[in-house]
C-alpha atoms as a PDB file:
ATOM      1  CA  MET A   1       4.194  -2.694  17.208  1.00  0.00           C
ATOM      2  CA  LYS A   2       5.328   0.414  15.253  1.00  0.00           C
ATOM      3  CA  ALA A   3       4.410   0.785  11.542  1.00  0.00           C
ATOM      4  CA  VAL A   4       7.187   0.717   9.196  1.00  0.00           C
ATOM      5  CA  VAL A   5       7.404   3.845   6.979  1.00  0.00           C
ATOM      6  CA  TYR A   6       9.010   3.472   3.630  1.00  0.00           C
ATOM      7  CA  PRO A   7      10.099   6.313   1.340  1.00  0.00           C
ATOM      8  CA  PHE A   8       7.942   6.391  -1.846  1.00  0.00           C
ATOM      9  CA  SER A   9      10.537   4.681  -4.054  1.00  0.00           C
ATOM     10  CA  TYR A  10      11.081   1.836  -1.501  1.00  0.00           C
ATOM     11  CA  ARG A  11       7.566   1.236  -0.433  1.00  0.00           C
ATOM     12  CA  PRO A  12       6.153  -2.112  -1.494  1.00  0.00           C
ATOM     13  CA  ALA A  13       3.436  -1.681  -4.120  1.00  0.00           C
ATOM     14  CA  LYS A  14      -0.088  -2.303  -2.966  1.00  0.00           C
ATOM     15  CA  ARG A  15      -2.152  -4.807  -4.840  1.00  0.00           C
ATOM     16  CA  GLY A  16      -3.153  -3.350  -8.199  1.00  0.00           C
ATOM     17  CA  GLU A  17      -1.072  -0.158  -7.784  1.00  0.00           C
ATOM     18  CA  SER A  18       1.398  -0.748 -10.632  1.00  0.00           C
ATOM     19  CA  THR A  19      -1.455  -1.574 -12.892  1.00  0.00           C
ATOM     20  CA  MET A  20      -3.096   1.791 -12.103  1.00  0.00           C
ATOM     21  CA  VAL A  21       0.234   3.488 -12.730  1.00  0.00           C
ATOM     22  CA  GLU A  22       0.361   2.056 -16.240  1.00  0.00           C
ATOM     23  CA  VAL A  23      -3.260   2.935 -16.795  1.00  0.00           C
ATOM     24  CA  TYR A  24      -2.735   6.595 -15.825  1.00  0.00           C
ATOM     25  CA  ALA A  25       0.439   6.746 -17.921  1.00  0.00           C
ATOM     26  CA  THR A  26      -1.435   5.396 -20.882  1.00  0.00           C
ATOM     27  CA  LEU A  27      -4.315   7.955 -20.344  1.00  0.00           C
ATOM     28  CA  ILE A  28      -1.755  10.771 -20.264  1.00  0.00           C
ATOM     29  CA  ALA A  29      -0.026   9.548 -23.362  1.00  0.00           C
ATOM     30  CA  ARG A  30      -3.294   9.401 -25.239  1.00  0.00           C
ATOM     31  CA  GLY A  31      -4.267  12.988 -24.118  1.00  0.00           C
ATOM     32  CA  ARG A  32      -7.155  11.907 -21.880  1.00  0.00           C
ATOM     33  CA  ARG A  33      -5.590  13.000 -18.581  1.00  0.00           C
ATOM     34  CA  LYS A  34      -3.078  15.551 -17.338  1.00  0.00           C
ATOM     35  CA  ILE A  35      -0.626  14.786 -14.503  1.00  0.00           C
ATOM     36  CA  ASN A  36      -2.562  17.142 -12.102  1.00  0.00           C
ATOM     37  CA  GLN A  37      -5.667  14.886 -12.556  1.00  0.00           C
ATOM     38  CA  ILE A  38      -3.670  11.847 -11.252  1.00  0.00           C
ATOM     39  CA  PRO A  39      -4.043  10.917  -7.556  1.00  0.00           C
ATOM     40  CA  GLU A  40      -1.205  12.552  -5.622  1.00  0.00           C
ATOM     41  CA  GLN A  41       0.215   9.304  -4.223  1.00  0.00           C
ATOM     42  CA  LEU A  42       0.717   7.873  -7.759  1.00  0.00           C
ATOM     43  CA  ARG A  43       2.110  10.950  -9.579  1.00  0.00           C
ATOM     44  CA  ASP A  44       5.749  10.161  -9.095  1.00  0.00           C
ATOM     45  CA  ALA A  45       5.396   6.696 -10.308  1.00  0.00           C
ATOM     46  CA  VAL A  46       3.411   7.813 -13.351  1.00  0.00           C
ATOM     47  CA  LEU A  47       6.069  10.420 -14.164  1.00  0.00           C
ATOM     48  CA  VAL A  48       8.682   7.696 -14.064  1.00  0.00           C
ATOM     49  CA  VAL A  49       6.748   5.579 -16.548  1.00  0.00           C
ATOM     50  CA  LEU A  50       6.117   8.522 -18.848  1.00  0.00           C
ATOM     51  CA  ASN A  51       9.839   9.514 -18.740  1.00  0.00           C
ATOM     52  CA  GLU A  52      10.752   5.966 -19.735  1.00  0.00           C
ATOM     53  CA  ARG A  53       8.331   6.325 -22.613  1.00  0.00           C
ATOM     54  CA  GLY A  54       9.862   9.678 -23.627  1.00  0.00           C
ATOM     55  CA  LEU A  55       6.836  11.784 -22.527  1.00  0.00           C
ATOM     56  CA  ASP A  56       6.401  14.620 -20.102  1.00  0.00           C
ATOM     57  CA  GLY A  57       3.493  14.950 -17.532  1.00  0.00           C
ATOM     58  CA  GLU A  58       1.271  16.408 -20.185  1.00  0.00           C
ATOM     59  CA  GLY A  59       1.918  13.582 -22.765  1.00  0.00           C
ATOM     60  CA  ASN A  60       4.256  15.545 -24.894  1.00  0.00           C
ATOM     61  CA  PRO A  61       7.484  14.101 -26.317  1.00  0.00           C
ATOM     62  CA  VAL A  62      10.488  15.114 -24.200  1.00  0.00           C
ATOM     63  CA  GLN A  63      13.127  16.693 -26.400  1.00  0.00           C
ATOM     64  CA  ASN A  64      16.498  15.102 -25.590  1.00  0.00           C
ATOM     65  CA  LEU A  65      19.257  17.580 -25.604  1.00  0.00           C
ATOM     66  CA  THR A  66      21.700  15.111 -27.153  1.00  0.00           C
ATOM     67  CA  GLU A  67      19.428  14.732 -30.171  1.00  0.00           C
ATOM     68  CA  GLN A  68      19.790  18.324 -31.374  1.00  0.00           C
END
Protein backbone atom coordinates (compact mmCIF):
# COMPACT_ATOMS: atom_id res chain seq x y z
CA MET A 1 0.00 0.00 0.00
CA LYS A 2 1.40 3.38 -1.03
CA ALA A 3 1.48 6.24 1.44
CA VAL A 4 -0.74 9.19 0.63
CA VAL A 5 1.21 12.44 0.38
CA TYR A 6 -0.72 15.59 1.22
CA PRO A 7 0.38 19.13 0.43
CA PHE A 8 0.99 20.99 3.70
CA SER A 9 -2.28 22.92 3.68
CA TYR A 10 -4.36 19.76 3.09
CA ARG A 11 -2.46 17.39 5.34
CA PRO A 12 -4.49 16.23 8.33
CA ALA A 13 -3.10 17.64 11.56
CA LYS A 14 -1.27 15.25 13.81
CA ARG A 15 -2.38 14.94 17.39
CA GLY A 16 -1.33 18.06 19.30
CA GLU A 17 0.03 19.85 16.24
CA SER A 18 -2.51 22.68 16.16
CA THR A 19 -1.90 23.26 19.85
CA MET A 20 1.83 23.65 19.24
CA VAL A 21 1.12 26.09 16.40
CA GLU A 22 -0.83 28.24 18.85
CA VAL A 23 1.91 27.95 21.48
CA TYR A 24 4.62 28.99 19.03
CA ALA A 25 2.49 31.87 17.71
CA THR A 26 1.97 33.10 21.27
CA LEU A 27 5.70 32.84 22.04
CA ILE A 28 6.50 34.91 18.95
CA ALA A 29 3.80 37.46 19.80
CA ARG A 30 5.29 37.87 23.29
CA GLY A 31 8.83 38.27 21.92
CA ARG A 32 10.15 34.98 23.32
CA ARG A 33 10.82 33.35 19.94
CA LYS A 34 11.51 34.32 16.32
CA ILE A 35 10.12 32.49 13.31
CA ASN A 36 13.55 30.99 12.51
CA GLN A 37 13.48 29.23 15.92
CA ILE A 38 10.25 27.39 15.09
CA PRO A 39 10.43 23.83 13.70
CA GLU A 40 10.41 23.99 9.91
CA GLN A 41 7.33 21.80 9.47
CA LEU A 42 5.21 24.19 11.59
CA ARG A 43 6.48 27.56 10.29
CA ASP A 44 3.85 28.05 7.59
CA ALA A 45 1.00 27.29 9.99
CA VAL A 46 2.49 29.59 12.65
CA LEU A 47 2.80 32.40 10.09
CA VAL A 48 -0.87 31.97 9.16
CA VAL A 49 -1.90 32.30 12.83
CA LEU A 50 0.35 35.34 13.28
CA ASN A 51 -1.07 37.00 10.17
CA GLU A 52 -4.59 36.42 11.50
CA ARG A 53 -3.46 38.22 14.67
CA GLY A 54 -1.99 41.07 12.62
CA LEU A 55 1.64 40.17 13.34
CA ASP A 56 4.66 39.26 11.22
CA GLY A 57 7.16 36.44 11.83
CA GLU A 58 9.07 38.55 14.34
CA GLY A 59 5.97 39.44 16.37
CA ASN A 60 5.74 43.00 15.05
CA PRO A 61 2.40 44.50 13.98
CA VAL A 62 1.83 44.31 10.24
CA GLN A 63 1.05 47.72 8.82
CA ASN A 64 -1.99 47.44 6.59
CA LEU A 65 -1.69 49.59 3.48
CA THR A 66 -5.41 50.47 3.62
CA GLU A 67 -4.98 52.03 7.08
CA GLN A 68 -2.60 54.75 5.88
